[in-house]
Amino acid sequence: MKAENPDEIDRLSFHLPMFKEMGDQVHMEVSPLRPYAGLATDICKRVNNGDETVFEDIPTVPKAGLFYWITFIIEYPGKTQDELLAFWLQEAKAALGGKKSGKVVDLWKVVGERKVYILLCVESPYEVDRISFDLPMMKQMGDCIHMEVKSVRPYEAFHDDLKKMVAR
C-alpha cells in the first residue's frame, strides 16, 4: 500500500477487510521510507562537495527464488559522520549494483534513522551470507552493523494456500 501522508494511511487501513473484521486485534507499524537511489544522490552531494551525480532508481523486476527481508541498523562509534557517509556512499553504489543484477529486488532507507530495508531474491539461503560478507560497509565497519534476516513468502503462494484451505 502506498500512501503519501499519515491521514491517507489511516483512511486506507480502515477500508481493509481484516481491519473491518478484526481491527482490535490487528497491529500495524508504519515507517516512512525513502528510495535508496535518492539517498545515494544526497550522500554523494554531501561527501563530494556538491557533486551533481544522480543515482537513478532502477525498476523492480519480479522474479522467482527465495526471498529475504533484511534489516540493517548502522551505528558508527568512533567514527565521524563524514567517515560514515563516505562508507555509506560506497555501500549505496554496491547496493544499487545489486539491484541491477536482479538479486536486490528493492531497497529503502528509513527516514530519520540509520536503518535500511532490503528485499533480496536468491537461489540459495547461503547466498545471503556470501552477499553480506562482500558488502563494502560490512568489510569496513561490520562490527557496527546489526543485520536481521527474515524469510519472506510471496503473497501469491500464501493466497493460493488459503484458497485451497477454504475449498476443503
C-alpha atoms as a PDB file:
ATOM      1  CA  MET A   1       0.000   0.000   0.000  1.00  0.00           C
ATOM      2  CA  LYS A   2       1.433   3.374  -0.949  1.00  0.00           C
ATOM      3  CA  ALA A   3       0.285   6.399   0.968  1.00  0.00           C
ATOM      4  CA  GLU A   4       1.735   9.877   0.919  1.00  0.00           C
ATOM      5  CA  ASN A   5       0.766  11.044   4.412  1.00  0.00           C
ATOM      6  CA  PRO A   6      -0.459   9.706   7.790  1.00  0.00           C
ATOM      7  CA  ASP A   7      -4.084  10.690   7.135  1.00  0.00           C
ATOM      8  CA  GLU A   8      -4.100   8.654   3.945  1.00  0.00           C
ATOM      9  CA  ILE A   9      -2.607   5.627   5.743  1.00  0.00           C
ATOM     10  CA  ASP A  10      -5.416   5.739   8.307  1.00  0.00           C
ATOM     11  CA  ARG A  11      -8.100   6.081   5.628  1.00  0.00           C
ATOM     12  CA  LEU A  12      -6.686   3.182   3.613  1.00  0.00           C
ATOM     13  CA  SER A  13      -6.234   0.882   6.597  1.00  0.00           C
ATOM     14  CA  PHE A  14      -9.806   1.366   7.830  1.00  0.00           C
ATOM     15  CA  HIS A  15     -11.081   0.031   4.499  1.00  0.00           C
ATOM     16  CA  LEU A  16      -9.080  -3.196   4.592  1.00  0.00           C
ATOM     17  CA  PRO A  17     -11.301  -6.258   5.209  1.00  0.00           C
ATOM     18  CA  MET A  18      -9.040  -7.501   8.027  1.00  0.00           C
ATOM     19  CA  PHE A  19      -9.362  -4.192   9.874  1.00  0.00           C
ATOM     20  CA  LYS A  20     -13.132  -4.205   9.406  1.00  0.00           C
ATOM     21  CA  GLU A  21     -13.499  -7.727  10.850  1.00  0.00           C
ATOM     22  CA  MET A  22     -10.737  -7.865  13.476  1.00  0.00           C
ATOM     23  CA  GLY A  23      -9.439  -4.327  13.808  1.00  0.00           C
ATOM     24  CA  ASP A  24      -8.971  -4.522  17.562  1.00  0.00           C
ATOM     25  CA  GLN A  25      -6.598  -7.480  17.069  1.00  0.00           C
ATOM     26  CA  VAL A  26      -4.587  -6.059  14.172  1.00  0.00           C
ATOM     27  CA  HIS A  27      -1.417  -4.146  14.924  1.00  0.00           C
ATOM     28  CA  MET A  28       0.240  -2.071  12.247  1.00  0.00           C
ATOM     29  CA  GLU A  29       3.630  -0.375  12.344  1.00  0.00           C
ATOM     30  CA  VAL A  30       4.419   2.270   9.749  1.00  0.00           C
ATOM     31  CA  SER A  31       7.883   3.582   8.893  1.00  0.00           C
ATOM     32  CA  PRO A  32       8.439   6.379   6.398  1.00  0.00           C
ATOM     33  CA  LEU A  33      10.813   5.073   3.714  1.00  0.00           C
ATOM     34  CA  ARG A  34      12.836   6.770   1.031  1.00  0.00           C
ATOM     35  CA  PRO A  35      14.095   5.112  -2.150  1.00  0.00           C
ATOM     36  CA  TYR A  36      17.766   4.203  -1.913  1.00  0.00           C
ATOM     37  CA  ALA A  37      18.741   5.963  -5.151  1.00  0.00           C
ATOM     38  CA  GLY A  38      17.646   9.300  -3.647  1.00  0.00           C
ATOM     39  CA  LEU A  39      19.692   8.596  -0.531  1.00  0.00           C
ATOM     40  CA  ALA A  40      22.752   7.758  -2.663  1.00  0.00           C
ATOM     41  CA  THR A  41      22.337  11.022  -4.594  1.00  0.00           C
ATOM     42  CA  ASP A  42      22.119  13.054  -1.366  1.00  0.00           C
ATOM     43  CA  ILE A  43      25.129  11.323   0.194  1.00  0.00           C
ATOM     44  CA  CYS A  44      27.186  11.811  -2.976  1.00  0.00           C
ATOM     45  CA  LYS A  45      26.475  15.563  -2.941  1.00  0.00           C
ATOM     46  CA  ARG A  46      27.458  15.778   0.703  1.00  0.00           C
ATOM     47  CA  VAL A  47      30.600  13.615   0.522  1.00  0.00           C
ATOM     48  CA  ASN A  48      31.828  15.044  -2.771  1.00  0.00           C
ATOM     49  CA  ASN A  49      31.128  18.734  -2.036  1.00  0.00           C
ATOM     50  CA  GLY A  50      28.107  19.362  -4.216  1.00  0.00           C
ATOM     51  CA  ASP A  51      28.727  16.641  -6.830  1.00  0.00           C
ATOM     52  CA  GLU A  52      25.661  16.616  -9.083  1.00  0.00           C
ATOM     53  CA  THR A  53      25.716  12.849  -9.732  1.00  0.00           C
ATOM     54  CA  VAL A  54      22.171  11.490  -9.724  1.00  0.00           C
ATOM     55  CA  PHE A  55      21.597   7.822  -8.985  1.00  0.00           C
ATOM     56  CA  GLU A  56      18.558   6.631 -10.887  1.00  0.00           C
ATOM     57  CA  ASP A  57      16.031   4.309  -9.350  1.00  0.00           C
ATOM     58  CA  ILE A  58      16.136   1.003 -11.189  1.00  0.00           C
ATOM     59  CA  PRO A  59      12.723  -0.579 -11.776  1.00  0.00           C
ATOM     60  CA  THR A  60      11.908  -3.643  -9.722  1.00  0.00           C
ATOM     61  CA  VAL A  61      11.702  -6.850 -11.740  1.00  0.00           C
ATOM     62  CA  PRO A  62       9.583  -9.616 -10.196  1.00  0.00           C
ATOM     63  CA  LYS A  63      11.359 -12.960 -10.189  1.00  0.00           C
ATOM     64  CA  ALA A  64      11.242 -16.416  -8.695  1.00  0.00           C
ATOM     65  CA  GLY A  65      13.509 -17.632  -5.941  1.00  0.00           C
ATOM     66  CA  LEU A  66      13.904 -17.421  -2.189  1.00  0.00           C
ATOM     67  CA  PHE A  67      13.019 -14.026  -0.771  1.00  0.00           C
ATOM     68  CA  TYR A  68      14.599 -12.463   2.308  1.00  0.00           C
ATOM     69  CA  TRP A  69      13.688  -9.236   4.092  1.00  0.00           C
ATOM     70  CA  ILE A  70      16.910  -7.847   5.528  1.00  0.00           C
ATOM     71  CA  THR A  71      17.121  -5.031   8.041  1.00  0.00           C
ATOM     72  CA  PHE A  72      20.432  -3.270   8.543  1.00  0.00           C
ATOM     73  CA  ILE A  73      20.885  -0.962  11.538  1.00  0.00           C
ATOM     74  CA  ILE A  74      24.049   1.074  11.200  1.00  0.00           C
ATOM     75  CA  GLU A  75      25.984   2.501  14.123  1.00  0.00           C
ATOM     76  CA  TYR A  76      29.276   4.364  13.894  1.00  0.00           C
ATOM     77  CA  PRO A  77      31.018   4.616  17.251  1.00  0.00           C
ATOM     78  CA  GLY A  78      34.494   6.112  16.989  1.00  0.00           C
ATOM     79  CA  LYS A  79      33.845   7.468  13.515  1.00  0.00           C
ATOM     80  CA  THR A  80      32.805  10.895  12.344  1.00  0.00           C
ATOM     81  CA  GLN A  81      29.646  11.465  10.372  1.00  0.00           C
ATOM     82  CA  ASP A  82      31.823  12.276   7.341  1.00  0.00           C
ATOM     83  CA  GLU A  83      33.554   8.883   7.656  1.00  0.00           C
ATOM     84  CA  LEU A  84      30.191   7.134   7.964  1.00  0.00           C
ATOM     85  CA  LEU A  85      28.843   8.890   4.867  1.00  0.00           C
ATOM     86  CA  ALA A  86      31.967   8.047   2.835  1.00  0.00           C
ATOM     87  CA  PHE A  87      31.481   4.352   3.696  1.00  0.00           C
ATOM     88  CA  TRP A  88      27.740   4.641   3.046  1.00  0.00           C
ATOM     89  CA  LEU A  89      28.329   6.067  -0.429  1.00  0.00           C
ATOM     90  CA  GLN A  90      30.452   3.024  -1.338  1.00  0.00           C
ATOM     91  CA  GLU A  91      27.726   0.811   0.088  1.00  0.00           C
ATOM     92  CA  ALA A  92      24.971   2.597  -1.841  1.00  0.00           C
ATOM     93  CA  LYS A  93      26.842   2.116  -5.125  1.00  0.00           C
ATOM     94  CA  ALA A  94      27.242  -1.611  -4.387  1.00  0.00           C
ATOM     95  CA  ALA A  95      23.606  -1.986  -3.292  1.00  0.00           C
ATOM     96  CA  LEU A  96      22.281  -0.265  -6.411  1.00  0.00           C
ATOM     97  CA  GLY A  97      24.580  -2.516  -8.455  1.00  0.00           C
ATOM     98  CA  GLY A  98      22.907  -5.464  -6.716  1.00  0.00           C
ATOM     99  CA  LYS A  99      19.573  -4.104  -7.866  1.00  0.00           C
ATOM    100  CA  LYS A 100      20.860  -4.004 -11.453  1.00  0.00           C
ATOM    101  CA  SER A 101      21.935  -7.650 -11.129  1.00  0.00           C
ATOM    102  CA  GLY A 102      18.436  -8.620 -10.011  1.00  0.00           C
ATOM    103  CA  LYS A 103      19.391 -10.099  -6.623  1.00  0.00           C
ATOM    104  CA  VAL A 104      18.241  -6.972  -4.804  1.00  0.00           C
ATOM    105  CA  VAL A 105      14.535  -6.665  -5.599  1.00  0.00           C
ATOM    106  CA  ASP A 106      14.377  -3.262  -3.915  1.00  0.00           C
ATOM    107  CA  LEU A 107      15.823  -1.312  -1.007  1.00  0.00           C
ATOM    108  CA  TRP A 108      14.905   1.671   1.127  1.00  0.00           C
ATOM    109  CA  LYS A 109      16.287   3.780   3.940  1.00  0.00           C
ATOM    110  CA  VAL A 110      14.051   4.584   6.910  1.00  0.00           C
ATOM    111  CA  VAL A 111      13.621   8.350   7.170  1.00  0.00           C
ATOM    112  CA  GLY A 112      15.360   9.814  10.216  1.00  0.00           C
ATOM    113  CA  GLU A 113      17.059   6.542  11.203  1.00  0.00           C
ATOM    114  CA  ARG A 114      20.232   4.730  10.229  1.00  0.00           C
ATOM    115  CA  LYS A 115      18.160   1.750   9.142  1.00  0.00           C
ATOM    116  CA  VAL A 116      17.965   0.146   5.688  1.00  0.00           C
ATOM    117  CA  TYR A 117      15.474  -2.439   4.415  1.00  0.00           C
ATOM    118  CA  ILE A 118      16.379  -4.737   1.543  1.00  0.00           C
ATOM    119  CA  LEU A 119      14.226  -7.284  -0.251  1.00  0.00           C
ATOM    120  CA  LEU A 120      16.626  -9.881  -1.639  1.00  0.00           C
ATOM    121  CA  CYS A 121      15.863 -12.752  -4.038  1.00  0.00           C
ATOM    122  CA  VAL A 122      18.408 -15.555  -4.261  1.00  0.00           C
ATOM    123  CA  GLU A 123      18.559 -19.186  -5.298  1.00  0.00           C
ATOM    124  CA  SER A 124      20.067 -20.454  -2.033  1.00  0.00           C
ATOM    125  CA  PRO A 125      19.989 -19.235   1.570  1.00  0.00           C
ATOM    126  CA  TYR A 126      23.795 -19.457   1.572  1.00  0.00           C
ATOM    127  CA  GLU A 127      23.901 -16.585  -0.920  1.00  0.00           C
ATOM    128  CA  VAL A 128      22.651 -14.248   1.806  1.00  0.00           C
ATOM    129  CA  ASP A 129      25.837 -14.820   3.816  1.00  0.00           C
ATOM    130  CA  ARG A 130      28.083 -14.571   0.765  1.00  0.00           C
ATOM    131  CA  ILE A 131      26.479 -11.316  -0.331  1.00  0.00           C
ATOM    132  CA  SER A 132      26.568  -9.773   3.150  1.00  0.00           C
ATOM    133  CA  PHE A 133      30.258 -10.635   3.606  1.00  0.00           C
ATOM    134  CA  ASP A 134      31.071  -8.813   0.358  1.00  0.00           C
ATOM    135  CA  LEU A 135      29.265  -5.568   1.182  1.00  0.00           C
ATOM    136  CA  PRO A 136      31.715  -2.644   1.452  1.00  0.00           C
ATOM    137  CA  MET A 137      30.228  -1.391   4.705  1.00  0.00           C
ATOM    138  CA  MET A 138      30.395  -4.881   6.270  1.00  0.00           C
ATOM    139  CA  LYS A 139      34.066  -5.164   5.275  1.00  0.00           C
ATOM    140  CA  GLN A 140      34.955  -1.726   6.660  1.00  0.00           C
ATOM    141  CA  MET A 141      32.771  -1.484   9.758  1.00  0.00           C
ATOM    142  CA  GLY A 142      30.877  -4.759  10.156  1.00  0.00           C
ATOM    143  CA  ASP A 143      31.177  -4.604  13.936  1.00  0.00           C
ATOM    144  CA  CYS A 144      28.919  -1.531  13.845  1.00  0.00           C
ATOM    145  CA  ILE A 145      26.169  -3.079  11.733  1.00  0.00           C
ATOM    146  CA  HIS A 146      23.286  -5.151  13.067  1.00  0.00           C
ATOM    147  CA  MET A 147      21.663  -7.347  10.459  1.00  0.00           C
ATOM    148  CA  GLU A 148      18.322  -9.111  10.819  1.00  0.00           C
ATOM    149  CA  VAL A 149      17.229 -11.568   8.121  1.00  0.00           C
ATOM    150  CA  LYS A 150      13.718 -12.949   7.717  1.00  0.00           C
ATOM    151  CA  SER A 151      12.499 -15.365   5.095  1.00  0.00           C
ATOM    152  CA  VAL A 152       9.599 -13.937   3.107  1.00  0.00           C
ATOM    153  CA  ARG A 153       6.951 -15.898   1.300  1.00  0.00           C
ATOM    154  CA  PRO A 154       5.408 -14.372  -1.827  1.00  0.00           C
ATOM    155  CA  TYR A 155       1.831 -13.343  -1.080  1.00  0.00           C
ATOM    156  CA  GLU A 156       0.559 -15.162  -4.174  1.00  0.00           C
ATOM    157  CA  ALA A 157       1.719 -18.517  -2.726  1.00  0.00           C
ATOM    158  CA  PHE A 158       0.055 -17.743   0.609  1.00  0.00           C
ATOM    159  CA  HIS A 159      -3.135 -16.692  -1.205  1.00  0.00           C
ATOM    160  CA  ASP A 160      -3.154 -19.936  -3.196  1.00  0.00           C
ATOM    161  CA  ASP A 161      -2.838 -21.967   0.026  1.00  0.00           C
ATOM    162  CA  LEU A 162      -5.717 -20.019   1.608  1.00  0.00           C
ATOM    163  CA  LYS A 163      -7.944 -20.718  -1.391  1.00  0.00           C
ATOM    164  CA  LYS A 164      -7.161 -24.443  -1.125  1.00  0.00           C
ATOM    165  CA  MET A 165      -7.962 -24.457   2.623  1.00  0.00           C
ATOM    166  CA  VAL A 166     -11.279 -22.662   2.118  1.00  0.00           C
ATOM    167  CA  ALA A 167     -12.234 -25.030  -0.735  1.00  0.00           C
ATOM    168  CA  ARG A 168     -11.964 -28.119   1.533  1.00  0.00           C
END
